[in-house]
Protein backbone atom coordinates (compact mmCIF):
# COMPACT_ATOMS: atom_id res chain seq x y z
CA MET A 1 9.30 4.72 -15.11
CA SER A 2 5.44 4.05 -15.80
CA VAL A 3 3.33 6.09 -13.39
CA LEU A 4 0.97 4.39 -11.23
CA PRO A 5 -3.03 5.47 -12.44
CA GLN A 6 -4.67 7.65 -9.83
CA GLN A 7 -8.48 7.19 -11.54
CA GLY A 8 -10.69 4.29 -11.24
CA LEU A 9 -8.52 2.94 -8.39
CA PRO A 10 -10.25 -0.15 -6.69
CA ARG A 11 -11.36 0.85 -2.97
CA CYS A 12 -11.04 -0.68 0.46
CA ARG A 13 -14.04 -2.82 1.21
CA ARG A 14 -14.06 -1.26 4.52
CA CYS A 15 -13.27 2.36 4.41
CA GLY A 16 -13.84 3.16 1.21
CA THR A 17 -10.52 4.87 0.30
CA PRO A 18 -8.74 4.35 -3.14
CA VAL A 19 -5.76 1.40 -3.06
CA HIS A 20 -3.12 -0.26 -5.07
CA TRP A 21 -3.29 -3.92 -5.09
CA THR A 22 0.28 -4.83 -5.50
CA ILE A 23 1.89 -8.74 -5.60
CA THR A 24 4.69 -8.62 -2.89
CA ALA A 25 8.02 -10.48 -4.10
CA SER A 26 6.53 -13.68 -2.03
CA GLY A 27 3.53 -13.68 -4.35
CA ALA A 28 1.05 -12.30 -2.05
CA ARG A 29 -1.30 -9.61 -2.54
CA LEU A 30 -0.75 -6.57 -0.69
CA ALA A 31 -3.46 -3.22 -0.75
CA VAL A 32 -1.17 0.40 -0.31
CA ASP A 33 -2.47 3.56 0.05
CA ALA A 34 -2.97 5.06 -3.67
CA ASN A 35 -0.55 8.17 -2.89
CA PRO A 36 3.20 8.03 -2.19
CA CYS A 37 4.06 9.10 0.81
CA ALA A 38 8.01 9.43 2.05
CA MET A 39 7.25 7.66 5.53
CA GLY A 40 6.29 4.50 3.69
CA SER A 41 7.70 1.46 4.13
CA ARG A 42 6.93 -0.52 0.74
CA ALA A 43 8.81 0.39 -2.59
CA VAL A 44 6.18 0.43 -5.31
CA TYR A 45 6.55 0.08 -8.78
CA ARG A 46 4.66 -1.25 -12.25
CA ASP A 47 6.88 -4.22 -13.99
CA GLY A 48 7.90 -4.56 -17.48
CA ILE A 49 4.23 -6.27 -18.14
CA GLY A 50 2.47 -3.60 -16.04
CA THR A 51 1.65 -5.59 -12.94
CA ILE A 52 2.06 -3.34 -10.14
CA ARG A 53 4.55 -5.09 -7.61
CA SER A 54 6.11 -3.84 -3.90
CA ARG A 55 8.67 -4.67 -1.63
CA ARG A 56 10.53 -4.16 1.53
CA PRO A 57 13.65 -1.26 0.60
CA THR A 58 16.89 -2.82 2.79
CA ALA A 59 20.16 -1.44 3.04
CA GLU A 60 21.23 -4.28 0.36
CA LEU A 61 18.47 -3.18 -2.25
CA PRO A 62 17.71 0.42 -1.13
CA LEU A 63 15.02 2.22 -2.82
CA LEU A 64 15.48 2.22 -6.48
CA PRO A 65 14.66 5.48 -9.01
CA TYR A 66 11.70 4.01 -10.66
CA GLU A 67 10.20 2.94 -7.07
CA ARG A 68 7.81 5.12 -4.63
CA LEU A 69 7.35 4.55 -1.31
CA HIS A 70 4.02 4.47 -0.13
CA LEU A 71 2.39 2.78 3.12
CA PRO A 72 0.53 -0.69 3.54
CA HIS A 73 -3.32 0.50 3.61
CA VAL A 74 -4.05 -1.74 6.94
CA ALA A 75 -1.91 0.98 8.71
CA THR A 76 -3.94 3.66 7.54
CA CYS A 77 -7.38 2.19 6.94
CA THR A 78 -10.04 3.99 9.17
CA ALA A 79 -12.14 0.73 9.54
CA ASP A 80 -9.51 -1.09 11.37
CA ALA A 81 -8.50 1.34 14.04
CA VAL A 82 -10.85 0.11 16.39
CA ARG A 83 -9.23 -3.37 15.84
CA ARG A 84 -5.73 -2.09 16.30
CA ASN A 85 -6.87 -0.24 19.57
CA PRO A 86 -8.34 -3.18 21.45
CA GLY A 87 -8.53 -0.95 24.68
CA ARG A 88 -11.65 1.00 23.17
CA ARG A 89 -14.53 -0.05 23.48
CA ARG A 90 -18.20 0.76 21.07
CA ALA A 91 -20.72 2.61 23.43
CA SER A 92 -24.20 0.18 23.50
């Protein structure tokens, strides 16, 4: 298994947190938090040519030994917290 880099990572444009940009099974780009998390919902791994990929583990294809769980960054982005909580309003 190739360990994912922790230095020189791109940062979220909204909150500045380091992230890994992954390619999903459908070919979409998905930012995940840089550090693995036991509560993560995305299995992240580096493929044979070095591309960082992510997928959702299932009962049919559970987490594999070379994968680590990460949270999608949208779930933890502090800049998106206001958008996720529409009842909260900014002070004028």
